[in-house]
Amino acid sequence: MSDSLAELRARINQFVKERDWDQFHSPKNLAMAMIVEAAELVEHFQWDTLEESHQLDDEKREQVGQELADTFVYLLRIAEVTGIDLIDAANRKIDLNAQKYPVEKVKGSNKKYTAY
């Protein structure tokens, strides 16, 4: 099994190549597929209370894991076909968010940066 992001990307790329699916993997199609999978994830929590959403039995945990995996795979494919380094992009975004949401102004608050 793949236990690093690079190994997982390589495994997904091989999976796609063997099936000749690159032709279907435009950024648009992948983004739409990822949102469908994210919606399927949301369905598992749709009517749960806040407390229930934290308490997953084994079956629900497996189902949620499947939807997270589907969403993650599509995210990795979008990054692959657009040439975006997700680790770099995430680090840059965290840096930007640190500027937009300084600890001294937002600690314990869920307000958007435009509210202060």
PDB file of N, CA and C in Angstrom:
ATOM      1  N   MET A   1       0.826  -1.193   0.000  1.00  0.00           N
ATOM      2  CA  MET A   1       0.000   0.000   0.000  1.00  0.00           C
ATOM      3  C   MET A   1       0.871   1.258   0.000  1.00  0.00           C
ATOM      4  N   SER A   2       0.321   2.305  -0.541  1.00  0.00           N
ATOM      5  CA  SER A   2       1.022   3.583  -0.586  1.00  0.00           C
ATOM      6  C   SER A   2       0.848   4.304   0.738  1.00  0.00           C
ATOM      7  N   ASP A   3       1.962   4.771   1.296  1.00  0.00           N
ATOM      8  CA  ASP A   3       1.860   5.514   2.548  1.00  0.00           C
ATOM      9  C   ASP A   3       2.449   6.912   2.438  1.00  0.00           C
ATOM     10  N   SER A   4       2.769   7.341   1.237  1.00  0.00           N
ATOM     11  CA  SER A   4       3.203   8.715   1.031  1.00  0.00           C
ATOM     12  C   SER A   4       2.370   9.309  -0.098  1.00  0.00           C
ATOM     13  N   LEU A   5       2.296  10.617  -0.106  1.00  0.00           N
ATOM     14  CA  LEU A   5       1.526  11.301  -1.137  1.00  0.00           C
ATOM     15  C   LEU A   5       2.089  11.009  -2.521  1.00  0.00           C
ATOM     16  N   ALA A   6       3.389  11.009  -2.656  1.00  0.00           N
ATOM     17  CA  ALA A   6       4.014  10.749  -3.960  1.00  0.00           C
ATOM     18  C   ALA A   6       3.696   9.335  -4.437  1.00  0.00           C
ATOM     19  N   GLU A   7       3.763   8.365  -3.535  1.00  0.00           N
ATOM     20  CA  GLU A   7       3.453   6.977  -3.912  1.00  0.00           C
ATOM     21  C   GLU A   7       1.983   6.826  -4.292  1.00  0.00           C
ATOM     22  N   LEU A   8       1.114   7.495  -3.550  1.00  0.00           N
ATOM     23  CA  LEU A   8      -0.312   7.430  -3.861  1.00  0.00           C
ATOM     24  C   LEU A   8      -0.604   8.066  -5.212  1.00  0.00           C
ATOM     25  N   ARG A   9      -0.009   9.218  -5.475  1.00  0.00           N
ATOM     26  CA  ARG A   9      -0.190   9.855  -6.787  1.00  0.00           C
ATOM     27  C   ARG A   9       0.263   8.931  -7.904  1.00  0.00           C
ATOM     28  N   ALA A  10       1.413   8.298  -7.732  1.00  0.00           N
ATOM     29  CA  ALA A  10       1.926   7.378  -8.754  1.00  0.00           C
ATOM     30  C   ALA A  10       0.967   6.203  -8.944  1.00  0.00           C
ATOM     31  N   ARG A  11       0.440   5.690  -7.845  1.00  0.00           N
ATOM     32  CA  ARG A  11      -0.492   4.554  -7.936  1.00  0.00           C
ATOM     33  C   ARG A  11      -1.777   4.957  -8.666  1.00  0.00           C
ATOM     34  N   ILE A  12      -2.306   6.131  -8.349  1.00  0.00           N
ATOM     35  CA  ILE A  12      -3.512   6.623  -9.023  1.00  0.00           C
ATOM     36  C   ILE A  12      -3.229   6.854 -10.499  1.00  0.00           C
ATOM     37  N   ASN A  13      -2.086   7.474 -10.805  1.00  0.00           N
ATOM     38  CA  ASN A  13      -1.735   7.726 -12.211  1.00  0.00           C
ATOM     39  C   ASN A  13      -1.625   6.428 -12.993  1.00  0.00           C
ATOM     40  N   GLN A  14      -1.048   5.404 -12.397  1.00  0.00           N
ATOM     41  CA  GLN A  14      -0.945   4.103 -13.060  1.00  0.00           C
ATOM     42  C   GLN A  14      -2.328   3.495 -13.273  1.00  0.00           C
ATOM     43  N   PHE A  15      -3.169   3.581 -12.280  1.00  0.00           N
ATOM     44  CA  PHE A  15      -4.540   3.077 -12.354  1.00  0.00           C
ATOM     45  C   PHE A  15      -5.285   3.729 -13.518  1.00  0.00           C
ATOM     46  N   VAL A  16      -5.159   5.060 -13.615  1.00  0.00           N
ATOM     47  CA  VAL A  16      -5.812   5.814 -14.684  1.00  0.00           C
ATOM     48  C   VAL A  16      -5.235   5.438 -16.046  1.00  0.00           C
ATOM     49  N   LYS A  17      -3.906   5.357 -16.134  1.00  0.00           N
ATOM     50  CA  LYS A  17      -3.240   5.033 -17.397  1.00  0.00           C
ATOM     51  C   LYS A  17      -3.651   3.661 -17.910  1.00  0.00           C
ATOM     52  N   GLU A  18      -3.688   2.669 -17.031  1.00  0.00           N
ATOM     53  CA  GLU A  18      -4.052   1.306 -17.430  1.00  0.00           C
ATOM     54  C   GLU A  18      -5.458   1.239 -18.012  1.00  0.00           C
ATOM     55  N   ARG A  19      -6.315   2.129 -17.600  1.00  0.00           N
ATOM     56  CA  ARG A  19      -7.705   2.125 -18.051  1.00  0.00           C
ATOM     57  C   ARG A  19      -7.968   3.146 -19.161  1.00  0.00           C
ATOM     58  N   ASP A  20      -6.929   3.866 -19.577  1.00  0.00           N
ATOM     59  CA  ASP A  20      -7.042   4.899 -20.601  1.00  0.00           C
ATOM     60  C   ASP A  20      -8.100   5.938 -20.231  1.00  0.00           C
ATOM     61  N   TRP A  21      -8.061   6.381 -18.989  1.00  0.00           N
ATOM     62  CA  TRP A  21      -9.040   7.348 -18.502  1.00  0.00           C
ATOM     63  C   TRP A  21      -8.539   8.778 -18.549  1.00  0.00           C
ATOM     64  N   ASP A  22      -7.280   9.008 -18.909  1.00  0.00           N
ATOM     65  CA  ASP A  22      -6.789  10.377 -19.005  1.00  0.00           C
ATOM     66  C   ASP A  22      -7.667  11.221 -19.918  1.00  0.00           C
ATOM     67  N   GLN A  23      -8.181  10.588 -20.957  1.00  0.00           N
ATOM     68  CA  GLN A  23      -9.006  11.316 -21.922  1.00  0.00           C
ATOM     69  C   GLN A  23     -10.263  11.916 -21.289  1.00  0.00           C
ATOM     70  N   PHE A  24     -10.699  11.386 -20.162  1.00  0.00           N
ATOM     71  CA  PHE A  24     -11.898  11.866 -19.481  1.00  0.00           C
ATOM     72  C   PHE A  24     -11.586  12.803 -18.319  1.00  0.00           C
ATOM     73  N   HIS A  25     -10.297  12.905 -17.962  1.00  0.00           N
ATOM     74  CA  HIS A  25      -9.909  13.622 -16.759  1.00  0.00           C
ATOM     75  C   HIS A  25      -9.499  15.068 -17.023  1.00  0.00           C
ATOM     76  N   SER A  26     -10.434  15.831 -17.545  1.00  0.00           N
ATOM     77  CA  SER A  26     -10.203  17.280 -17.660  1.00  0.00           C
ATOM     78  C   SER A  26     -10.383  17.891 -16.275  1.00  0.00           C
ATOM     79  N   PRO A  27      -9.786  19.038 -16.022  1.00  0.00           N
ATOM     80  CA  PRO A  27     -10.009  19.682 -14.728  1.00  0.00           C
ATOM     81  C   PRO A  27     -11.500  19.882 -14.434  1.00  0.00           C
ATOM     82  N   LYS A  28     -12.275  20.252 -15.434  1.00  0.00           N
ATOM     83  CA  LYS A  28     -13.720  20.444 -15.257  1.00  0.00           C
ATOM     84  C   LYS A  28     -14.389  19.159 -14.817  1.00  0.00           C
ATOM     85  N   ASN A  29     -14.135  18.069 -15.522  1.00  0.00           N
ATOM     86  CA  ASN A  29     -14.779  16.797 -15.182  1.00  0.00           C
ATOM     87  C   ASN A  29     -14.355  16.305 -13.802  1.00  0.00           C
ATOM     88  N   LEU A  30     -13.084  16.446 -13.496  1.00  0.00           N
ATOM     89  CA  LEU A  30     -12.591  15.998 -12.197  1.00  0.00           C
ATOM     90  C   LEU A  30     -13.172  16.836 -11.061  1.00  0.00           C
ATOM     91  N   ALA A  31     -13.269  18.139 -11.268  1.00  0.00           N
ATOM     92  CA  ALA A  31     -13.850  19.010 -10.240  1.00  0.00           C
ATOM     93  C   ALA A  31     -15.308  18.641  -9.998  1.00  0.00           C
ATOM     94  N   MET A  32     -16.044  18.386 -11.064  1.00  0.00           N
ATOM     95  CA  MET A  32     -17.447  17.995 -10.910  1.00  0.00           C
ATOM     96  C   MET A  32     -17.560  16.649 -10.193  1.00  0.00           C
ATOM     97  N   ALA A  33     -16.709  15.707 -10.552  1.00  0.00           N
ATOM     98  CA  ALA A  33     -16.737  14.398  -9.893  1.00  0.00           C
ATOM     99  C   ALA A  33     -16.389  14.522  -8.412  1.00  0.00           C
ATOM    100  N   MET A  34     -15.428  15.385  -8.091  1.00  0.00           N
ATOM    101  CA  MET A  34     -15.039  15.574  -6.702  1.00  0.00           C
ATOM    102  C   MET A  34     -16.200  16.144  -5.888  1.00  0.00           C
ATOM    103  N   ILE A  35     -16.936  17.084  -6.458  1.00  0.00           N
ATOM    104  CA  ILE A  35     -18.068  17.680  -5.753  1.00  0.00           C
ATOM    105  C   ILE A  35     -19.177  16.654  -5.552  1.00  0.00           C
ATOM    106  N   VAL A  36     -19.398  15.786  -6.513  1.00  0.00           N
ATOM    107  CA  VAL A  36     -20.386  14.711  -6.353  1.00  0.00           C
ATOM    108  C   VAL A  36     -20.002  13.827  -5.176  1.00  0.00           C
ATOM    109  N   GLU A  37     -18.727  13.465  -5.099  1.00  0.00           N
ATOM    110  CA  GLU A  37     -18.264  12.626  -3.992  1.00  0.00           C
ATOM    111  C   GLU A  37     -18.366  13.357  -2.659  1.00  0.00           C
ATOM    112  N   ALA A  38     -18.054  14.656  -2.660  1.00  0.00           N
ATOM    113  CA  ALA A  38     -18.183  15.443  -1.429  1.00  0.00           C
ATOM    114  C   ALA A  38     -19.645  15.497  -0.986  1.00  0.00           C
ATOM    115  N   ALA A  39     -20.564  15.598  -1.943  1.00  0.00           N
ATOM    116  CA  ALA A  39     -21.991  15.579  -1.605  1.00  0.00           C
ATOM    117  C   ALA A  39     -22.385  14.233  -1.012  1.00  0.00           C
ATOM    118  N   GLU A  40     -21.829  13.154  -1.534  1.00  0.00           N
ATOM    119  CA  GLU A  40     -22.109  11.834  -0.979  1.00  0.00           C
ATOM    120  C   GLU A  40     -21.575  11.736   0.452  1.00  0.00           C
ATOM    121  N   LEU A  41     -20.464  12.374   0.731  1.00  0.00           N
ATOM    122  CA  LEU A  41     -19.933  12.433   2.089  1.00  0.00           C
ATOM    123  C   LEU A  41     -20.914  13.164   3.008  1.00  0.00           C
ATOM    124  N   VAL A  42     -21.409  14.300   2.555  1.00  0.00           N
ATOM    125  CA  VAL A  42     -22.329  15.099   3.350  1.00  0.00           C
ATOM    126  C   VAL A  42     -23.597  14.309   3.688  1.00  0.00           C
ATOM    127  N   GLU A  43     -24.048  13.474   2.770  1.00  0.00           N
ATOM    128  CA  GLU A  43     -25.253  12.674   3.016  1.00  0.00           C
ATOM    129  C   GLU A  43     -25.146  11.837   4.287  1.00  0.00           C
ATOM    130  N   HIS A  44     -23.960  11.377   4.604  1.00  0.00           N
ATOM    131  CA  HIS A  44     -23.780  10.542   5.796  1.00  0.00           C
ATOM    132  C   HIS A  44     -24.008  11.316   7.092  1.00  0.00           C
ATOM    133  N   PHE A  45     -23.944  12.637   7.032  1.00  0.00           N
ATOM    134  CA  PHE A  45     -24.107  13.471   8.217  1.00  0.00           C
ATOM    135  C   PHE A  45     -25.356  14.350   8.169  1.00  0.00           C
ATOM    136  N   GLN A  46     -26.070  14.295   7.071  1.00  0.00           N
ATOM    137  CA  GLN A  46     -27.125  15.259   6.781  1.00  0.00           C
ATOM    138  C   GLN A  46     -28.109  15.464   7.931  1.00  0.00           C
ATOM    139  N   TRP A  47     -28.589  14.436   8.538  1.00  0.00           N
ATOM    140  CA  TRP A  47     -29.601  14.586   9.582  1.00  0.00           C
ATOM    141  C   TRP A  47     -29.070  14.259  10.974  1.00  0.00           C
ATOM    142  N   ASP A  48     -27.780  14.100  11.091  1.00  0.00           N
ATOM    143  CA  ASP A  48     -27.180  13.837  12.393  1.00  0.00           C
ATOM    144  C   ASP A  48     -27.178  15.105  13.251  1.00  0.00           C
ATOM    145  N   THR A  49     -27.282  14.897  14.537  1.00  0.00           N
ATOM    146  CA  THR A  49     -27.030  16.006  15.453  1.00  0.00           C
ATOM    147  C   THR A  49     -25.522  16.221  15.486  1.00  0.00           C
ATOM    148  N   LEU A  50     -25.111  17.319  16.095  1.00  0.00           N
ATOM    149  CA  LEU A  50     -23.681  17.585  16.241  1.00  0.00           C
ATOM    150  C   LEU A  50     -23.003  16.427  16.957  1.00  0.00           C
ATOM    151  N   GLU A  51     -23.622  15.958  18.026  1.00  0.00           N
ATOM    152  CA  GLU A  51     -23.072  14.840  18.799  1.00  0.00           C
ATOM    153  C   GLU A  51     -23.004  13.560  17.961  1.00  0.00           C
ATOM    154  N   GLU A  52     -24.075  13.252  17.238  1.00  0.00           N
ATOM    155  CA  GLU A  52     -24.107  12.037  16.412  1.00  0.00           C
ATOM    156  C   GLU A  52     -23.026  12.057  15.338  1.00  0.00           C
ATOM    157  N   SER A  53     -22.735  13.237  14.818  1.00  0.00           N
ATOM    158  CA  SER A  53     -21.722  13.327  13.758  1.00  0.00           C
ATOM    159  C   SER A  53     -20.331  12.975  14.259  1.00  0.00           C
ATOM    160  N   HIS A  54     -20.133  13.008  15.569  1.00  0.00           N
ATOM    161  CA  HIS A  54     -18.847  12.645  16.172  1.00  0.00           C
ATOM    162  C   HIS A  54     -18.772  11.159  16.524  1.00  0.00           C
ATOM    163  N   GLN A  55     -19.902  10.498  16.551  1.00  0.00           N
ATOM    164  CA  GLN A  55     -19.948   9.105  17.003  1.00  0.00           C
ATOM    165  C   GLN A  55     -20.286   8.189  15.832  1.00  0.00           C
ATOM    166  N   LEU A  56     -19.262   7.719  15.148  1.00  0.00           N
ATOM    167  CA  LEU A  56     -19.461   6.854  13.988  1.00  0.00           C
ATOM    168  C   LEU A  56     -19.290   5.394  14.394  1.00  0.00           C
ATOM    169  N   ASP A  57     -20.291   4.573  14.063  1.00  0.00           N
ATOM    170  CA  ASP A  57     -20.091   3.142  14.272  1.00  0.00           C
ATOM    171  C   ASP A  57     -19.183   2.625  13.158  1.00  0.00           C
ATOM    172  N   ASP A  58     -18.787   1.379  13.250  1.00  0.00           N
ATOM    173  CA  ASP A  58     -17.819   0.833  12.287  1.00  0.00           C
ATOM    174  C   ASP A  58     -18.312   0.919  10.847  1.00  0.00           C
ATOM    175  N   GLU A  59     -19.586   0.615  10.623  1.00  0.00           N
ATOM    176  CA  GLU A  59     -20.131   0.644   9.261  1.00  0.00           C
ATOM    177  C   GLU A  59     -20.127   2.062   8.693  1.00  0.00           C
ATOM    178  N   LYS A  60     -20.592   3.017   9.504  1.00  0.00           N
ATOM    179  CA  LYS A  60     -20.633   4.400   9.025  1.00  0.00           C
ATOM    180  C   LYS A  60     -19.221   4.944   8.838  1.00  0.00           C
ATOM    181  N   ARG A  61     -18.300   4.606   9.726  1.00  0.00           N
ATOM    182  CA  ARG A  61     -16.908   5.038   9.574  1.00  0.00           C
ATOM    183  C   ARG A  61     -16.328   4.531   8.247  1.00  0.00           C
ATOM    184  N   GLU A  62     -16.634   3.293   7.891  1.00  0.00           N
ATOM    185  CA  GLU A  62     -16.175   2.728   6.616  1.00  0.00           C
ATOM    186  C   GLU A  62     -16.771   3.492   5.437  1.00  0.00           C
ATOM    187  N   GLN A  63     -18.059   3.769   5.505  1.00  0.00           N
ATOM    188  CA  GLN A  63     -18.727   4.494   4.420  1.00  0.00           C
ATOM    189  C   GLN A  63     -18.181   5.916   4.275  1.00  0.00           C
ATOM    190  N   VAL A  64     -17.992   6.590   5.394  1.00  0.00           N
ATOM    191  CA  VAL A  64     -17.429   7.940   5.372  1.00  0.00           C
ATOM    192  C   VAL A  64     -16.004   7.898   4.821  1.00  0.00           C
ATOM    193  N   GLY A  65     -15.242   6.895   5.234  1.00  0.00           N
ATOM    194  CA  GLY A  65     -13.886   6.731   4.716  1.00  0.00           C
ATOM    195  C   GLY A  65     -13.860   6.540   3.209  1.00  0.00           C
ATOM    196  N   GLN A  66     -14.815   5.777   2.683  1.00  0.00           N
ATOM    197  CA  GLN A  66     -14.900   5.562   1.233  1.00  0.00           C
ATOM    198  C   GLN A  66     -15.143   6.885   0.508  1.00  0.00           C
ATOM    199  N   GLU A  67     -16.054   7.684   1.028  1.00  0.00           N
ATOM    200  CA  GLU A  67     -16.357   8.969   0.379  1.00  0.00           C
ATOM    201  C   GLU A  67     -15.203   9.953   0.508  1.00  0.00           C
ATOM    202  N   LEU A  68     -14.541   9.958   1.660  1.00  0.00           N
ATOM    203  CA  LEU A  68     -13.348  10.797   1.806  1.00  0.00           C
ATOM    204  C   LEU A  68     -12.274  10.381   0.811  1.00  0.00           C
ATOM    205  N   ALA A  69     -12.095   9.073   0.657  1.00  0.00           N
ATOM    206  CA  ALA A  69     -11.089   8.569  -0.284  1.00  0.00           C
ATOM    207  C   ALA A  69     -11.430   8.977  -1.712  1.00  0.00           C
ATOM    208  N   ASP A  70     -12.696   8.828  -2.104  1.00  0.00           N
ATOM    209  CA  ASP A  70     -13.096   9.231  -3.456  1.00  0.00           C
ATOM    210  C   ASP A  70     -12.811  10.715  -3.684  1.00  0.00           C
ATOM    211  N   THR A  71     -13.171  11.535  -2.709  1.00  0.00           N
ATOM    212  CA  THR A  71     -12.946  12.980  -2.828  1.00  0.00           C
ATOM    213  C   THR A  71     -11.456  13.291  -2.921  1.00  0.00           C
ATOM    214  N   PHE A  72     -10.673  12.622  -2.094  1.00  0.00           N
ATOM    215  CA  PHE A  72      -9.225  12.832  -2.063  1.00  0.00           C
ATOM    216  C   PHE A  72      -8.576  12.420  -3.385  1.00  0.00           C
ATOM    217  N   VAL A  73      -8.993  11.295  -3.936  1.00  0.00           N
ATOM    218  CA  VAL A  73      -8.431  10.822  -5.205  1.00  0.00           C
ATOM    219  C   VAL A  73      -8.719  11.824  -6.320  1.00  0.00           C
ATOM    220  N   TYR A  74      -9.951  12.325  -6.376  1.00  0.00           N
ATOM    221  CA  TYR A  74     -10.262  13.318  -7.399  1.00  0.00           C
ATOM    222  C   TYR A  74      -9.474  14.605  -7.177  1.00  0.00           C
ATOM    223  N   LEU A  75      -9.295  15.016  -5.936  1.00  0.00           N
ATOM    224  CA  LEU A  75      -8.479  16.189  -5.644  1.00  0.00           C
ATOM    225  C   LEU A  75      -7.049  15.995  -6.145  1.00  0.00           C
ATOM    226  N   LEU A  76      -6.490  14.828  -5.874  1.00  0.00           N
ATOM    227  CA  LEU A  76      -5.131  14.541  -6.352  1.00  0.00           C
ATOM    228  C   LEU A  76      -5.060  14.541  -7.877  1.00  0.00           C
ATOM    229  N   ARG A  77      -6.086  14.017  -8.526  1.00  0.00           N
ATOM    230  CA  ARG A  77      -6.087  14.004 -10.001  1.00  0.00           C
ATOM    231  C   ARG A  77      -6.176  15.418 -10.570  1.00  0.00           C
ATOM    232  N   ILE A  78      -7.002  16.266  -9.971  1.00  0.00           N
ATOM    233  CA  ILE A  78      -7.091  17.658 -10.440  1.00  0.00           C
ATOM    234  C   ILE A  78      -5.727  18.323 -10.316  1.00  0.00           C
ATOM    235  N   ALA A  79      -5.075  18.129  -9.190  1.00  0.00           N
ATOM    236  CA  ALA A  79      -3.740  18.710  -9.009  1.00  0.00           C
ATOM    237  C   ALA A  79      -2.777  18.159 -10.049  1.00  0.00           C
ATOM    238  N   GLU A  80      -2.874  16.873 -10.320  1.00  0.00           N
ATOM    239  CA  GLU A  80      -1.984  16.236 -11.300  1.00  0.00           C
ATOM    240  C   GLU A  80      -2.167  16.834 -12.684  1.00  0.00           C
ATOM    241  N   VAL A  81      -3.414  16.939 -13.148  1.00  0.00           N
ATOM    242  CA  VAL A  81      -3.635  17.402 -14.523  1.00  0.00           C
ATOM    243  C   VAL A  81      -3.430  18.900 -14.677  1.00  0.00           C
ATOM    244  N   THR A  82      -3.468  19.647 -13.569  1.00  0.00           N
ATOM    245  CA  THR A  82      -3.225  21.091 -13.650  1.00  0.00           C
ATOM    246  C   THR A  82      -1.797  21.461 -13.276  1.00  0.00           C
ATOM    247  N   GLY A  83      -1.018  20.476 -12.818  1.00  0.00           N
ATOM    248  CA  GLY A  83       0.370  20.737 -12.452  1.00  0.00           C
ATOM    249  C   GLY A  83       0.514  21.534 -11.165  1.00  0.00           C
ATOM    250  N   ILE A  84      -0.420  21.379 -10.251  1.00  0.00           N
ATOM    251  CA  ILE A  84      -0.367  22.104  -8.982  1.00  0.00           C
ATOM    252  C   ILE A  84       0.198  21.194  -7.900  1.00  0.00           C
ATOM    253  N   ASP A  85       1.199  21.700  -7.199  1.00  0.00           N
ATOM    254  CA  ASP A  85       1.788  20.991  -6.064  1.00  0.00           C
ATOM    255  C   ASP A  85       0.914  21.287  -4.851  1.00  0.00           C
ATOM    256  N   LEU A  86       0.131  20.290  -4.426  1.00  0.00           N
ATOM    257  CA  LEU A  86      -0.823  20.502  -3.346  1.00  0.00           C
ATOM    258  C   LEU A  86      -0.156  20.859  -2.016  1.00  0.00           C
ATOM    259  N   ILE A  87       0.981  20.274  -1.730  1.00  0.00           N
ATOM    260  CA  ILE A  87       1.673  20.572  -0.479  1.00  0.00           C
ATOM    261  C   ILE A  87       2.099  22.043  -0.470  1.00  0.00           C
ATOM    262  N   ASP A  88       2.688  22.486  -1.557  1.00  0.00           N
ATOM    263  CA  ASP A  88       3.102  23.886  -1.667  1.00  0.00           C
ATOM    264  C   ASP A  88       1.896  24.814  -1.618  1.00  0.00           C
ATOM    265  N   ALA A  89       0.846  24.475  -2.362  1.00  0.00           N
ATOM    266  CA  ALA A  89      -0.354  25.314  -2.385  1.00  0.00           C
ATOM    267  C   ALA A  89      -0.985  25.399  -1.000  1.00  0.00           C
ATOM    268  N   ALA A  90      -1.050  24.274  -0.284  1.00  0.00           N
ATOM    269  CA  ALA A  90      -1.637  24.273   1.057  1.00  0.00           C
ATOM    270  C   ALA A  90      -0.798  25.104   2.024  1.00  0.00           C
ATOM    271  N   ASN A  91       0.513  24.979   1.940  1.00  0.00           N
ATOM    272  CA  ASN A  91       1.385  25.781   2.807  1.00  0.00           C
ATOM    273  C   ASN A  91       1.240  27.268   2.529  1.00  0.00           C
ATOM    274  N   ARG A  92       1.174  27.639   1.258  1.00  0.00           N
ATOM    275  CA  ARG A  92       0.992  29.047   0.913  1.00  0.00           C
ATOM    276  C   ARG A  92      -0.365  29.558   1.396  1.00  0.00           C
ATOM    277  N   LYS A  93      -1.396  28.718   1.293  1.00  0.00           N
ATOM    278  CA  LYS A  93      -2.732  29.109   1.740  1.00  0.00           C
ATOM    279  C   LYS A  93      -2.768  29.276   3.257  1.00  0.00           C
ATOM    280  N   ILE A  94      -2.110  28.403   3.996  1.00  0.00           N
ATOM    281  CA  ILE A  94      -2.043  28.547   5.453  1.00  0.00           C
ATOM    282  C   ILE A  94      -1.330  29.847   5.816  1.00  0.00           C
ATOM    283  N   ASP A  95      -0.253  30.175   5.103  1.00  0.00           N
ATOM    284  CA  ASP A  95       0.451  31.442   5.341  1.00  0.00           C
ATOM    285  C   ASP A  95      -0.480  32.629   5.100  1.00  0.00           C
ATOM    286  N   LEU A  96      -1.236  32.582   4.007  1.00  0.00           N
ATOM    287  CA  LEU A  96      -2.182  33.652   3.692  1.00  0.00           C
ATOM    288  C   LEU A  96      -3.266  33.746   4.771  1.00  0.00           C
ATOM    289  N   ASN A  97      -3.796  32.591   5.184  1.00  0.00           N
ATOM    290  CA  ASN A  97      -4.836  32.590   6.213  1.00  0.00           C
ATOM    291  C   ASN A  97      -4.310  33.102   7.552  1.00  0.00           C
ATOM    292  N   ALA A  98      -3.040  32.839   7.829  1.00  0.00           N
ATOM    293  CA  ALA A  98      -2.440  33.355   9.069  1.00  0.00           C
ATOM    294  C   ALA A  98      -2.426  34.882   9.063  1.00  0.00           C
ATOM    295  N   GLN A  99      -2.245  35.477   7.889  1.00  0.00           N
ATOM    296  CA  GLN A  99      -2.282  36.935   7.781  1.00  0.00           C
ATOM    297  C   GLN A  99      -3.717  37.446   7.902  1.00  0.00           C
ATOM    298  N   LYS A 100      -4.660  36.736   7.277  1.00  0.00           N
ATOM    299  CA  LYS A 100      -6.058  37.155   7.298  1.00  0.00           C
ATOM    300  C   LYS A 100      -6.707  36.922   8.659  1.00  0.00           C
ATOM    301  N   TYR A 101      -6.230  35.923   9.372  1.00  0.00           N
ATOM    302  CA  TYR A 101      -6.820  35.535  10.652  1.00  0.00           C
ATOM    303  C   TYR A 101      -5.755  35.515  11.754  1.00  0.00           C
ATOM    304  N   PRO A 102      -5.245  36.678  12.147  1.00  0.00           N
ATOM    305  CA  PRO A 102      -4.222  36.708  13.198  1.00  0.00           C
ATOM    306  C   PRO A 102      -4.815  36.212  14.524  1.00  0.00           C
ATOM    307  N   VAL A 103      -4.032  35.419  15.230  1.00  0.00           N
ATOM    308  CA  VAL A 103      -4.484  34.794  16.470  1.00  0.00           C
ATOM    309  C   VAL A 103      -5.089  35.812  17.425  1.00  0.00           C
ATOM    310  N   GLU A 104      -4.418  36.937  17.597  1.00  0.00           N
ATOM    311  CA  GLU A 104      -4.877  37.921  18.573  1.00  0.00           C
ATOM    312  C   GLU A 104      -6.245  38.521  18.234  1.00  0.00           C
ATOM    313  N   LYS A 105      -6.673  38.416  16.982  1.00  0.00           N
ATOM    314  CA  LYS A 105      -7.982  38.950  16.588  1.00  0.00           C
ATOM    315  C   LYS A 105      -9.062  37.881  16.506  1.00  0.00           C
ATOM    316  N   VAL A 106      -8.696  36.641  16.252  1.00  0.00           N
ATOM    317  CA  VAL A 106      -9.725  35.652  15.936  1.00  0.00           C
ATOM    318  C   VAL A 106      -9.802  34.455  16.872  1.00  0.00           C
ATOM    319  N   LYS A 107      -8.917  34.376  17.823  1.00  0.00           N
ATOM    320  CA  LYS A 107      -8.907  33.196  18.688  1.00  0.00           C
ATOM    321  C   LYS A 107     -10.279  33.008  19.343  1.00  0.00           C
ATOM    322  N   GLY A 108     -10.857  31.826  19.120  1.00  0.00           N
ATOM    323  CA  GLY A 108     -12.155  31.499  19.684  1.00  0.00           C
ATOM    324  C   GLY A 108     -13.336  32.063  18.919  1.00  0.00           C
ATOM    325  N   SER A 109     -13.093  32.708  17.790  1.00  0.00           N
ATOM    326  CA  SER A 109     -14.159  33.324  17.000  1.00  0.00           C
ATOM    327  C   SER A 109     -14.277  32.622  15.650  1.00  0.00           C
ATOM    328  N   ASN A 110     -15.500  32.547  15.152  1.00  0.00           N
ATOM    329  CA  ASN A 110     -15.706  31.969  13.821  1.00  0.00           C
ATOM    330  C   ASN A 110     -16.072  33.027  12.785  1.00  0.00           C
ATOM    331  N   LYS A 111     -15.822  34.290  13.101  1.00  0.00           N
ATOM    332  CA  LYS A 111     -16.143  35.369  12.172  1.00  0.00           C
ATOM    333  C   LYS A 111     -15.176  35.384  11.002  1.00  0.00           C
ATOM    334  N   LYS A 112     -15.716  35.761   9.853  1.00  0.00           N
ATOM    335  CA  LYS A 112     -14.886  35.906   8.666  1.00  0.00           C
ATOM    336  C   LYS A 112     -13.979  37.118   8.815  1.00  0.00           C
ATOM    337  N   TYR A 113     -12.843  37.086   8.137  1.00  0.00           N
ATOM    338  CA  TYR A 113     -11.848  38.166   8.270  1.00  0.00           C
ATOM    339  C   TYR A 113     -12.412  39.530   7.890  1.00  0.00           C
ATOM    340  N   THR A 114     -13.470  39.572   7.111  1.00  0.00           N
ATOM    341  CA  THR A 114     -14.069  40.852   6.717  1.00  0.00           C
ATOM    342  C   THR A 114     -14.890  41.469   7.847  1.00  0.00           C
ATOM    343  N   ALA A 115     -15.082  40.704   8.943  1.00  0.00           N
ATOM    344  CA  ALA A 115     -15.919  41.195  10.048  1.00  0.00           C
ATOM    345  C   ALA A 115     -15.121  41.962  11.097  1.00  0.00           C
ATOM    346  N   TYR A 116     -13.812  42.065  10.941  1.00  0.00           N
ATOM    347  CA  TYR A 116     -13.020  42.797  11.923  1.00  0.00           C
ATOM    348  C   TYR A 116     -12.024  43.695  11.249  1.00  0.00           C
TER     349      TYR A 116
END
